[in-house]
Amino acid sequence: MENAAIRLERLQKSLTGQSDVCSSGGPVRDFPESFRKGFRNFGIGLIVCTQGEFRFSLASGAYTAAAGETVFIPEDTPFRITGQSEDMEVSILIYKVQPIKDILGNLVYSVHLYSRMSPDLPCVWKTGDEEDIITYMTLIGTDTPSDDNLFAVYERKLLLLSLTYRLCAIFQRKYLSGQTANVRQTEIFLRLIQFIDRYYTSQRGVEFYADKLCLSPKYLSGVSKAVCGYTVQELVFKAITRRSMSLLDSTNKTVLEISEELNFPNPSSFGTFFRKQTGLSPQKYRERKK
């Protein structure tokens, strides 16, 4: 493993440039300068303390994290380190969800949902998954693979995807076991996006998903709008659009083949849908990089 000082230096450089992934690549004994001066988080933020303790401010609160605890930093929240013990050791990761949205699907909404739940969720707690989270951080590393190294690029994406799934499981376990005011709505929404990810290619109406959840379409639409700001149909359309983009970007399938896979009656109706969602025809979208 690289020298911790070098990894810390690389982390600071990544934070300054607001890179998609900013990782300590494993345990370090100090914090990047940005954290001491004051830092507004631009992604999902994690700090796992494995030794000693440190103190920090998050938004308007003051907190302490000790060995065996994980700090979750919500997106777009001010964060600053205010002190640390001499024997402190931590692993740090800040990453953006946008670059993995194409493979994350509607789960992206639950990630943002959980990341904005403060103060419903505490920012420091023992998850029981600290060792695994550190392993992910170490595997993700500090180097950003070059675009022409496709295997390394997708390996990193899949590591981030796996970590994101683990975090959602941790948040769900913590949040749904509590007594917060919005637990029922959140539980319904999480089940909704799971159903959408399973059936979006063939089922596009709110009635189908309401029936699956034994709810009225009006109530389900209200829950979806209240939790994430989108209607059920908008979530379904977003899932179809993401899948369409992925197929156009990463396969040689024709527009006809893609329209059939996504259960459109013909390529023309698929083209109309895609243009309405993205502003481009499928062919223009595919050609944009050329």
C-alpha atoms as a PDB file:
ATOM      1  CA  MET A   1       0.000   0.000   0.000  1.00  0.00           C
ATOM      2  CA  GLU A   2       1.168   3.537  -0.751  1.00  0.00           C
ATOM      3  CA  ASN A   3       2.618   5.738   1.966  1.00  0.00           C
ATOM      4  CA  ALA A   4      -0.212   7.312   3.999  1.00  0.00           C
ATOM      5  CA  ALA A   5       1.217  10.829   3.534  1.00  0.00           C
ATOM      6  CA  ILE A   6       1.118  10.429  -0.262  1.00  0.00           C
ATOM      7  CA  ARG A   7      -2.455   9.136  -0.129  1.00  0.00           C
ATOM      8  CA  LEU A   8      -3.458  12.082   2.056  1.00  0.00           C
ATOM      9  CA  GLU A   9      -1.858  14.487  -0.426  1.00  0.00           C
ATOM     10  CA  ARG A  10      -3.751  12.868  -3.289  1.00  0.00           C
ATOM     11  CA  LEU A  11      -6.983  13.075  -1.315  1.00  0.00           C
ATOM     12  CA  GLN A  12      -6.494  16.816  -0.787  1.00  0.00           C
ATOM     13  CA  LYS A  13      -5.871  17.316  -4.504  1.00  0.00           C
ATOM     14  CA  SER A  14      -9.041  15.376  -5.346  1.00  0.00           C
ATOM     15  CA  LEU A  15     -11.096  17.423  -2.884  1.00  0.00           C
ATOM     16  CA  THR A  16      -9.765  20.697  -4.273  1.00  0.00           C
ATOM     17  CA  GLY A  17     -10.774  19.637  -7.771  1.00  0.00           C
ATOM     18  CA  GLN A  18     -14.078  18.161  -6.553  1.00  0.00           C
ATOM     19  CA  SER A  19     -13.289  14.868  -8.278  1.00  0.00           C
ATOM     20  CA  ASP A  20     -15.996  12.243  -8.716  1.00  0.00           C
ATOM     21  CA  VAL A  21     -14.200  10.052  -6.164  1.00  0.00           C
ATOM     22  CA  CYS A  22     -12.033  11.382  -3.325  1.00  0.00           C
ATOM     23  CA  SER A  23     -10.560   8.519  -1.289  1.00  0.00           C
ATOM     24  CA  SER A  24      -7.830   8.115   1.290  1.00  0.00           C
ATOM     25  CA  GLY A  25      -7.360   4.599  -0.114  1.00  0.00           C
ATOM     26  CA  GLY A  26      -7.215   3.192   3.410  1.00  0.00           C
ATOM     27  CA  PRO A  27      -6.210   4.391   6.913  1.00  0.00           C
ATOM     28  CA  VAL A  28      -4.477   7.766   7.415  1.00  0.00           C
ATOM     29  CA  ARG A  29      -3.329   9.520  10.602  1.00  0.00           C
ATOM     30  CA  ASP A  30      -4.408  13.051   9.696  1.00  0.00           C
ATOM     31  CA  PHE A  31      -7.082  14.978   7.789  1.00  0.00           C
ATOM     32  CA  PRO A  32      -6.773  16.889   4.513  1.00  0.00           C
ATOM     33  CA  GLU A  33      -6.383  20.632   4.872  1.00  0.00           C
ATOM     34  CA  SER A  34      -9.848  21.229   3.385  1.00  0.00           C
ATOM     35  CA  PHE A  35     -11.458  19.482   6.352  1.00  0.00           C
ATOM     36  CA  ARG A  36      -9.706  21.765   8.825  1.00  0.00           C
ATOM     37  CA  LYS A  37     -10.476  25.008   7.032  1.00  0.00           C
ATOM     38  CA  GLY A  38     -14.116  24.134   6.466  1.00  0.00           C
ATOM     39  CA  PHE A  39     -15.596  21.975   3.731  1.00  0.00           C
ATOM     40  CA  ARG A  40     -19.008  21.805   2.059  1.00  0.00           C
ATOM     41  CA  ASN A  41     -19.629  18.228   1.053  1.00  0.00           C
ATOM     42  CA  PHE A  42     -20.365  17.665  -2.644  1.00  0.00           C
ATOM     43  CA  GLY A  43     -21.179  13.949  -2.557  1.00  0.00           C
ATOM     44  CA  ILE A  44     -21.730  11.034  -0.201  1.00  0.00           C
ATOM     45  CA  GLY A  45     -19.265  11.490   2.645  1.00  0.00           C
ATOM     46  CA  LEU A  46     -17.869   8.769   4.929  1.00  0.00           C
ATOM     47  CA  ILE A  47     -15.207   8.768   7.628  1.00  0.00           C
ATOM     48  CA  VAL A  48     -14.520   5.536   9.520  1.00  0.00           C
ATOM     49  CA  CYS A  49     -12.528   5.919  12.732  1.00  0.00           C
ATOM     50  CA  THR A  50     -10.393   2.874  13.561  1.00  0.00           C
ATOM     51  CA  GLN A  51      -8.256   4.322  16.352  1.00  0.00           C
ATOM     52  CA  GLY A  52      -8.396   7.248  18.781  1.00  0.00           C
ATOM     53  CA  GLU A  53     -11.039   9.910  18.247  1.00  0.00           C
ATOM     54  CA  PHE A  54     -11.710  13.217  16.502  1.00  0.00           C
ATOM     55  CA  ARG A  55     -14.051  16.177  16.944  1.00  0.00           C
ATOM     56  CA  PHE A  56     -15.922  17.997  14.222  1.00  0.00           C
ATOM     57  CA  SER A  57     -18.725  20.414  13.432  1.00  0.00           C
ATOM     58  CA  LEU A  58     -21.464  19.472  10.990  1.00  0.00           C
ATOM     59  CA  ALA A  59     -23.950  22.156  10.000  1.00  0.00           C
ATOM     60  CA  SER A  60     -24.571  23.876  13.350  1.00  0.00           C
ATOM     61  CA  GLY A  61     -23.783  20.914  15.647  1.00  0.00           C
ATOM     62  CA  ALA A  62     -20.613  19.719  17.410  1.00  0.00           C
ATOM     63  CA  TYR A  63     -19.783  15.992  17.542  1.00  0.00           C
ATOM     64  CA  THR A  64     -17.126  13.427  18.498  1.00  0.00           C
ATOM     65  CA  ALA A  65     -16.352  10.174  16.689  1.00  0.00           C
ATOM     66  CA  ALA A  66     -14.325   7.399  18.332  1.00  0.00           C
ATOM     67  CA  ALA A  67     -12.763   4.105  17.245  1.00  0.00           C
ATOM     68  CA  GLY A  68     -15.333   1.741  15.729  1.00  0.00           C
ATOM     69  CA  GLU A  69     -17.678   4.532  14.618  1.00  0.00           C
ATOM     70  CA  THR A  70     -18.590   5.877  11.191  1.00  0.00           C
ATOM     71  CA  VAL A  71     -19.362   9.508  10.354  1.00  0.00           C
ATOM     72  CA  PHE A  72     -21.884  10.168   7.583  1.00  0.00           C
ATOM     73  CA  ILE A  73     -21.622  13.622   5.999  1.00  0.00           C
ATOM     74  CA  PRO A  74     -24.822  14.633   4.148  1.00  0.00           C
ATOM     75  CA  GLU A  75     -24.471  16.210   0.734  1.00  0.00           C
ATOM     76  CA  ASP A  76     -24.169  20.010   0.550  1.00  0.00           C
ATOM     77  CA  THR A  77     -23.541  20.265   4.312  1.00  0.00           C
ATOM     78  CA  PRO A  78     -20.758  22.349   5.953  1.00  0.00           C
ATOM     79  CA  PHE A  79     -18.198  20.169   7.751  1.00  0.00           C
ATOM     80  CA  ARG A  80     -15.038  21.047   9.694  1.00  0.00           C
ATOM     81  CA  ILE A  81     -12.537  19.139  11.853  1.00  0.00           C
ATOM     82  CA  THR A  82     -12.042  20.856  15.224  1.00  0.00           C
ATOM     83  CA  GLY A  83      -9.632  18.460  16.972  1.00  0.00           C
ATOM     84  CA  GLN A  84      -8.195  14.952  17.150  1.00  0.00           C
ATOM     85  CA  SER A  85      -6.300  12.623  19.472  1.00  0.00           C
ATOM     86  CA  GLU A  86      -2.621  11.876  18.830  1.00  0.00           C
ATOM     87  CA  ASP A  87      -3.316   8.221  18.063  1.00  0.00           C
ATOM     88  CA  MET A  88      -6.210   8.859  15.678  1.00  0.00           C
ATOM     89  CA  GLU A  89      -6.544   6.769  12.521  1.00  0.00           C
ATOM     90  CA  VAL A  90      -9.335   7.158   9.943  1.00  0.00           C
ATOM     91  CA  SER A  91     -10.352   6.137   6.422  1.00  0.00           C
ATOM     92  CA  ILE A  92     -12.084   8.773   4.270  1.00  0.00           C
ATOM     93  CA  LEU A  93     -14.257   8.670   1.154  1.00  0.00           C
ATOM     94  CA  ILE A  94     -16.284  11.339  -0.652  1.00  0.00           C
ATOM     95  CA  TYR A  95     -17.954  10.297  -3.913  1.00  0.00           C
ATOM     96  CA  LYS A  96     -20.582  11.572  -6.331  1.00  0.00           C
ATOM     97  CA  VAL A  97     -23.547   9.414  -7.296  1.00  0.00           C
ATOM     98  CA  GLN A  98     -23.996  10.966 -10.757  1.00  0.00           C
ATOM     99  CA  PRO A  99     -21.222   8.953 -12.515  1.00  0.00           C
ATOM    100  CA  ILE A 100     -22.774   5.640 -11.444  1.00  0.00           C
ATOM    101  CA  LYS A 101     -26.388   6.686 -11.965  1.00  0.00           C
ATOM    102  CA  ASP A 102     -26.655   4.655 -15.175  1.00  0.00           C
ATOM    103  CA  ILE A 103     -26.078   1.396 -13.276  1.00  0.00           C
ATOM    104  CA  LEU A 104     -27.636   2.521  -9.992  1.00  0.00           C
ATOM    105  CA  GLY A 105     -31.160   2.879 -11.402  1.00  0.00           C
ATOM    106  CA  ASN A 106     -33.939   4.297  -9.218  1.00  0.00           C
ATOM    107  CA  LEU A 107     -31.873   3.399  -6.157  1.00  0.00           C
ATOM    108  CA  VAL A 108     -30.223   6.781  -6.728  1.00  0.00           C
ATOM    109  CA  TYR A 109     -33.346   8.393  -5.226  1.00  0.00           C
ATOM    110  CA  SER A 110     -33.112   6.317  -2.058  1.00  0.00           C
ATOM    111  CA  VAL A 111     -29.415   7.240  -1.751  1.00  0.00           C
ATOM    112  CA  HIS A 112     -30.233  10.938  -1.920  1.00  0.00           C
ATOM    113  CA  LEU A 113     -33.196  10.374   0.364  1.00  0.00           C
ATOM    114  CA  TYR A 114     -31.030   8.799   3.046  1.00  0.00           C
ATOM    115  CA  SER A 115     -28.202  11.305   2.598  1.00  0.00           C
ATOM    116  CA  ARG A 116     -30.633  14.150   3.351  1.00  0.00           C
ATOM    117  CA  MET A 117     -32.381  12.568   6.333  1.00  0.00           C
ATOM    118  CA  SER A 118     -30.428  14.506   8.970  1.00  0.00           C
ATOM    119  CA  PRO A 119     -31.500  15.112  11.686  1.00  0.00           C
ATOM    120  CA  ASP A 120     -33.746  12.024  11.472  1.00  0.00           C
ATOM    121  CA  LEU A 121     -30.572   9.924  11.331  1.00  0.00           C
ATOM    122  CA  PRO A 122     -27.532  10.567  13.547  1.00  0.00           C
ATOM    123  CA  CYS A 123     -24.312  11.483  11.744  1.00  0.00           C
ATOM    124  CA  VAL A 124     -22.165   9.214  13.977  1.00  0.00           C
ATOM    125  CA  TRP A 125     -22.897   5.612  14.888  1.00  0.00           C
ATOM    126  CA  LYS A 126     -21.486   2.098  15.005  1.00  0.00           C
ATOM    127  CA  THR A 127     -22.907   0.399  11.943  1.00  0.00           C
ATOM    128  CA  GLY A 128     -21.281  -2.988  12.497  1.00  0.00           C
ATOM    129  CA  ASP A 129     -20.034  -2.770   8.883  1.00  0.00           C
ATOM    130  CA  GLU A 130     -16.942  -0.628   9.512  1.00  0.00           C
ATOM    131  CA  GLU A 131     -14.407  -3.251   8.392  1.00  0.00           C
ATOM    132  CA  ASP A 132     -16.234  -3.876   5.125  1.00  0.00           C
ATOM    133  CA  ILE A 133     -16.566  -0.139   4.404  1.00  0.00           C
ATOM    134  CA  ILE A 134     -12.814   0.296   4.908  1.00  0.00           C
ATOM    135  CA  THR A 135     -12.180  -2.627   2.549  1.00  0.00           C
ATOM    136  CA  TYR A 136     -14.241  -0.875  -0.125  1.00  0.00           C
ATOM    137  CA  MET A 137     -12.276   2.343   0.416  1.00  0.00           C
ATOM    138  CA  THR A 138      -8.977   0.494   0.080  1.00  0.00           C
ATOM    139  CA  LEU A 139     -10.064  -1.299  -3.098  1.00  0.00           C
ATOM    140  CA  ILE A 140     -11.390   1.936  -4.628  1.00  0.00           C
ATOM    141  CA  GLY A 141      -7.962   3.461  -3.994  1.00  0.00           C
ATOM    142  CA  THR A 142      -6.721   6.975  -4.739  1.00  0.00           C
ATOM    143  CA  ASP A 143      -5.928   6.776  -8.465  1.00  0.00           C
ATOM    144  CA  THR A 144      -8.538   7.661 -11.072  1.00  0.00           C
ATOM    145  CA  PRO A 145      -8.268   5.157 -13.955  1.00  0.00           C
ATOM    146  CA  SER A 146      -7.878   6.611 -17.451  1.00  0.00           C
ATOM    147  CA  ASP A 147     -10.941   6.502 -19.724  1.00  0.00           C
ATOM    148  CA  ASP A 148      -9.240   4.124 -22.151  1.00  0.00           C
ATOM    149  CA  ASN A 149      -8.729   1.552 -19.379  1.00  0.00           C
ATOM    150  CA  LEU A 150     -12.328   0.317 -19.533  1.00  0.00           C
ATOM    151  CA  PHE A 151     -11.875  -2.643 -17.212  1.00  0.00           C
ATOM    152  CA  ALA A 152     -10.462  -0.427 -14.450  1.00  0.00           C
ATOM    153  CA  VAL A 153     -13.168   2.223 -14.994  1.00  0.00           C
ATOM    154  CA  TYR A 154     -15.986  -0.320 -14.683  1.00  0.00           C
ATOM    155  CA  GLU A 155     -14.305  -2.116 -11.803  1.00  0.00           C
ATOM    156  CA  ARG A 156     -14.317   1.147  -9.853  1.00  0.00           C
ATOM    157  CA  LYS A 157     -17.918   1.846 -10.816  1.00  0.00           C
ATOM    158  CA  LEU A 158     -18.975  -1.586  -9.580  1.00  0.00           C
ATOM    159  CA  LEU A 159     -17.079  -1.117  -6.307  1.00  0.00           C
ATOM    160  CA  LEU A 160     -18.889   2.197  -5.781  1.00  0.00           C
ATOM    161  CA  LEU A 161     -22.178   0.541  -6.705  1.00  0.00           C
ATOM    162  CA  SER A 162     -21.587  -2.266  -4.184  1.00  0.00           C
ATOM    163  CA  LEU A 163     -20.656   0.233  -1.489  1.00  0.00           C
ATOM    164  CA  THR A 164     -23.776   2.278  -2.248  1.00  0.00           C
ATOM    165  CA  TYR A 165     -25.975  -0.808  -1.891  1.00  0.00           C
ATOM    166  CA  ARG A 166     -24.297  -1.560   1.441  1.00  0.00           C
ATOM    167  CA  LEU A 167     -24.875   2.007   2.665  1.00  0.00           C
ATOM    168  CA  CYS A 168     -28.546   1.872   1.683  1.00  0.00           C
ATOM    169  CA  ALA A 169     -28.900  -1.373   3.636  1.00  0.00           C
ATOM    170  CA  ILE A 170     -27.223   0.253   6.652  1.00  0.00           C
ATOM    171  CA  PHE A 171     -29.436   3.342   6.443  1.00  0.00           C
ATOM    172  CA  GLN A 172     -32.586   1.296   5.964  1.00  0.00           C
ATOM    173  CA  ARG A 173     -31.758  -0.875   8.964  1.00  0.00           C
ATOM    174  CA  LYS A 174     -31.160   2.194  11.122  1.00  0.00           C
ATOM    175  CA  TYR A 175     -33.931   4.412   9.819  1.00  0.00           C
ATOM    176  CA  LEU A 176     -36.792   1.931   9.651  1.00  0.00           C
ATOM    177  CA  SER A 177     -36.026   0.690  13.152  1.00  0.00           C
ATOM    178  CA  GLY A 178     -36.530   4.190  14.556  1.00  0.00           C
ATOM    179  CA  GLN A 179     -39.631   6.176  15.379  1.00  0.00           C
ATOM    180  CA  THR A 180     -39.228   9.032  12.910  1.00  0.00           C
ATOM    181  CA  ALA A 181     -42.326  10.733  11.556  1.00  0.00           C
ATOM    182  CA  ASN A 182     -41.853   9.689   7.925  1.00  0.00           C
ATOM    183  CA  VAL A 183     -40.958   6.025   8.387  1.00  0.00           C
ATOM    184  CA  ARG A 184     -44.169   4.711   6.783  1.00  0.00           C
ATOM    185  CA  GLN A 185     -43.858   6.904   3.678  1.00  0.00           C
ATOM    186  CA  THR A 186     -40.176   6.076   3.319  1.00  0.00           C
ATOM    187  CA  GLU A 187     -40.859   2.351   3.555  1.00  0.00           C
ATOM    188  CA  ILE A 188     -43.542   2.609   0.854  1.00  0.00           C
ATOM    189  CA  PHE A 189     -41.227   4.615  -1.388  1.00  0.00           C
ATOM    190  CA  LEU A 190     -38.368   2.133  -1.047  1.00  0.00           C
ATOM    191  CA  ARG A 191     -40.668  -0.737  -1.956  1.00  0.00           C
ATOM    192  CA  LEU A 192     -42.002   1.297  -4.896  1.00  0.00           C
ATOM    193  CA  ILE A 193     -38.579   1.874  -6.460  1.00  0.00           C
ATOM    194  CA  GLN A 194     -37.747  -1.801  -6.027  1.00  0.00           C
ATOM    195  CA  PHE A 195     -40.880  -2.692  -7.986  1.00  0.00           C
ATOM    196  CA  ILE A 196     -40.127  -0.057 -10.639  1.00  0.00           C
ATOM    197  CA  ASP A 197     -36.613  -1.417 -11.144  1.00  0.00           C
ATOM    198  CA  ARG A 198     -38.126  -4.884 -11.613  1.00  0.00           C
ATOM    199  CA  TYR A 199     -41.057  -4.053 -13.908  1.00  0.00           C
ATOM    200  CA  TYR A 200     -40.378  -0.696 -15.627  1.00  0.00           C
ATOM    201  CA  THR A 201     -39.806  -2.224 -19.080  1.00  0.00           C
ATOM    202  CA  SER A 202     -43.313  -3.669 -19.191  1.00  0.00           C
ATOM    203  CA  GLN A 203     -45.413  -1.713 -16.654  1.00  0.00           C
ATOM    204  CA  ARG A 204     -45.666   2.074 -16.847  1.00  0.00           C
ATOM    205  CA  GLY A 205     -48.922   2.948 -15.112  1.00  0.00           C
ATOM    206  CA  VAL A 206     -49.300   3.951 -11.468  1.00  0.00           C
ATOM    207  CA  GLU A 207     -52.219   1.525 -11.110  1.00  0.00           C
ATOM    208  CA  PHE A 208     -49.939  -1.511 -11.490  1.00  0.00           C
ATOM    209  CA  TYR A 209     -47.543  -0.353  -8.752  1.00  0.00           C
ATOM    210  CA  ALA A 210     -50.366   0.758  -6.471  1.00  0.00           C
ATOM    211  CA  ASP A 211     -51.898  -2.709  -6.798  1.00  0.00           C
ATOM    212  CA  LYS A 212     -48.558  -4.333  -5.960  1.00  0.00           C
ATOM    213  CA  LEU A 213     -48.361  -2.226  -2.791  1.00  0.00           C
ATOM    214  CA  CYS A 214     -52.088  -2.616  -1.939  1.00  0.00           C
ATOM    215  CA  LEU A 215     -52.567   1.155  -2.045  1.00  0.00           C
ATOM    216  CA  SER A 216     -54.734   3.542  -4.032  1.00  0.00           C
ATOM    217  CA  PRO A 217     -53.026   5.151  -7.054  1.00  0.00           C
ATOM    218  CA  LYS A 218     -53.759   8.625  -5.664  1.00  0.00           C
ATOM    219  CA  TYR A 219     -52.153   7.841  -2.283  1.00  0.00           C
ATOM    220  CA  LEU A 220     -49.084   6.224  -3.871  1.00  0.00           C
ATOM    221  CA  SER A 221     -48.595   9.177  -6.211  1.00  0.00           C
ATOM    222  CA  GLY A 222     -48.812  11.531  -3.239  1.00  0.00           C
ATOM    223  CA  VAL A 223     -46.201   9.531  -1.310  1.00  0.00           C
ATOM    224  CA  SER A 224     -43.807   9.452  -4.265  1.00  0.00           C
ATOM    225  CA  LYS A 225     -44.164  13.185  -4.871  1.00  0.00           C
ATOM    226  CA  ALA A 226     -43.697  13.988  -1.191  1.00  0.00           C
ATOM    227  CA  VAL A 227     -40.604  11.822  -0.737  1.00  0.00           C
ATOM    228  CA  CYS A 228     -38.595  12.471  -3.917  1.00  0.00           C
ATOM    229  CA  GLY A 229     -40.429  15.204  -5.841  1.00  0.00           C
ATOM    230  CA  TYR A 230     -41.402  12.935  -8.770  1.00  0.00           C
ATOM    231  CA  THR A 231     -44.612  11.121  -9.630  1.00  0.00           C
ATOM    232  CA  VAL A 232     -44.633   7.342 -10.079  1.00  0.00           C
ATOM    233  CA  GLN A 233     -44.828   7.683 -13.851  1.00  0.00           C
ATOM    234  CA  GLU A 234     -41.917  10.134 -13.883  1.00  0.00           C
ATOM    235  CA  LEU A 235     -39.817   7.596 -11.970  1.00  0.00           C
ATOM    236  CA  VAL A 236     -40.753   4.894 -14.479  1.00  0.00           C
ATOM    237  CA  PHE A 237     -39.909   7.191 -17.406  1.00  0.00           C
ATOM    238  CA  LYS A 238     -36.552   8.051 -15.820  1.00  0.00           C
ATOM    239  CA  ALA A 239     -35.757   4.348 -15.459  1.00  0.00           C
ATOM    240  CA  ILE A 240     -36.613   3.736 -19.138  1.00  0.00           C
ATOM    241  CA  THR A 241     -34.534   6.741 -20.213  1.00  0.00           C
ATOM    242  CA  ARG A 242     -31.493   5.623 -18.217  1.00  0.00           C
ATOM    243  CA  ARG A 243     -31.719   2.136 -19.678  1.00  0.00           C
ATOM    244  CA  SER A 244     -32.101   3.560 -23.175  1.00  0.00           C
ATOM    245  CA  MET A 245     -29.012   5.735 -22.754  1.00  0.00           C
ATOM    246  CA  SER A 246     -27.027   2.808 -21.410  1.00  0.00           C
ATOM    247  CA  LEU A 247     -27.988   0.600 -24.373  1.00  0.00           C
ATOM    248  CA  LEU A 248     -27.194   3.356 -26.876  1.00  0.00           C
ATOM    249  CA  ASP A 249     -23.846   4.084 -25.199  1.00  0.00           C
ATOM    250  CA  SER A 250     -22.566   0.597 -24.477  1.00  0.00           C
ATOM    251  CA  THR A 251     -24.078  -1.719 -27.132  1.00  0.00           C
ATOM    252  CA  ASN A 252     -24.393  -1.903 -30.914  1.00  0.00           C
ATOM    253  CA  LYS A 253     -28.097  -2.695 -30.726  1.00  0.00           C
ATOM    254  CA  THR A 254     -30.229  -0.930 -33.310  1.00  0.00           C
ATOM    255  CA  VAL A 255     -32.966   1.514 -32.351  1.00  0.00           C
ATOM    256  CA  LEU A 256     -35.467  -1.174 -33.396  1.00  0.00           C
ATOM    257  CA  GLU A 257     -33.872  -3.745 -31.078  1.00  0.00           C
ATOM    258  CA  ILE A 258     -33.796  -1.274 -28.170  1.00  0.00           C
ATOM    259  CA  SER A 259     -37.415  -0.250 -28.714  1.00  0.00           C
ATOM    260  CA  GLU A 260     -38.449  -3.930 -28.701  1.00  0.00           C
ATOM    261  CA  GLU A 261     -36.430  -4.648 -25.544  1.00  0.00           C
ATOM    262  CA  LEU A 262     -38.162  -1.759 -23.790  1.00  0.00           C
ATOM    263  CA  ASN A 263     -41.598  -2.815 -25.079  1.00  0.00           C
ATOM    264  CA  PHE A 264     -42.387   0.143 -27.331  1.00  0.00           C
ATOM    265  CA  PRO A 265     -44.837  -0.668 -30.151  1.00  0.00           C
ATOM    266  CA  ASN A 266     -42.374   0.584 -32.797  1.00  0.00           C
ATOM    267  CA  PRO A 267     -39.113   2.547 -33.191  1.00  0.00           C
ATOM    268  CA  SER A 268     -41.032   5.732 -33.967  1.00  0.00           C
ATOM    269  CA  SER A 269     -42.837   5.777 -30.602  1.00  0.00           C
ATOM    270  CA  PHE A 270     -39.552   4.996 -28.836  1.00  0.00           C
ATOM    271  CA  GLY A 271     -37.869   7.873 -30.700  1.00  0.00           C
ATOM    272  CA  THR A 272     -40.664  10.268 -29.722  1.00  0.00           C
ATOM    273  CA  PHE A 273     -40.403   9.217 -26.077  1.00  0.00           C
ATOM    274  CA  PHE A 274     -36.593   9.476 -26.014  1.00  0.00           C
ATOM    275  CA  ARG A 275     -36.582  12.897 -27.701  1.00  0.00           C
ATOM    276  CA  LYS A 276     -39.141  14.210 -25.214  1.00  0.00           C
ATOM    277  CA  GLN A 277     -37.040  12.994 -22.256  1.00  0.00           C
ATOM    278  CA  THR A 278     -33.574  14.038 -23.485  1.00  0.00           C
ATOM    279  CA  GLY A 279     -34.052  16.619 -26.237  1.00  0.00           C
ATOM    280  CA  LEU A 280     -32.245  14.338 -28.737  1.00  0.00           C
ATOM    281  CA  SER A 281     -33.298  11.526 -31.038  1.00  0.00           C
ATOM    282  CA  PRO A 282     -31.772   8.120 -30.212  1.00  0.00           C
ATOM    283  CA  GLN A 283     -29.512   8.367 -33.256  1.00  0.00           C
ATOM    284  CA  LYS A 284     -28.341  11.903 -32.407  1.00  0.00           C
ATOM    285  CA  TYR A 285     -27.684  10.811 -28.815  1.00  0.00           C
ATOM    286  CA  ARG A 286     -25.571   7.893 -30.044  1.00  0.00           C
ATOM    287  CA  GLU A 287     -23.638  10.123 -32.454  1.00  0.00           C
ATOM    288  CA  ARG A 288     -22.968  12.939 -29.981  1.00  0.00           C
ATOM    289  CA  LYS A 289     -19.539  11.599 -28.908  1.00  0.00           C
ATOM    290  CA  LYS A 290     -18.392  11.261 -32.504  1.00  0.00           C
END
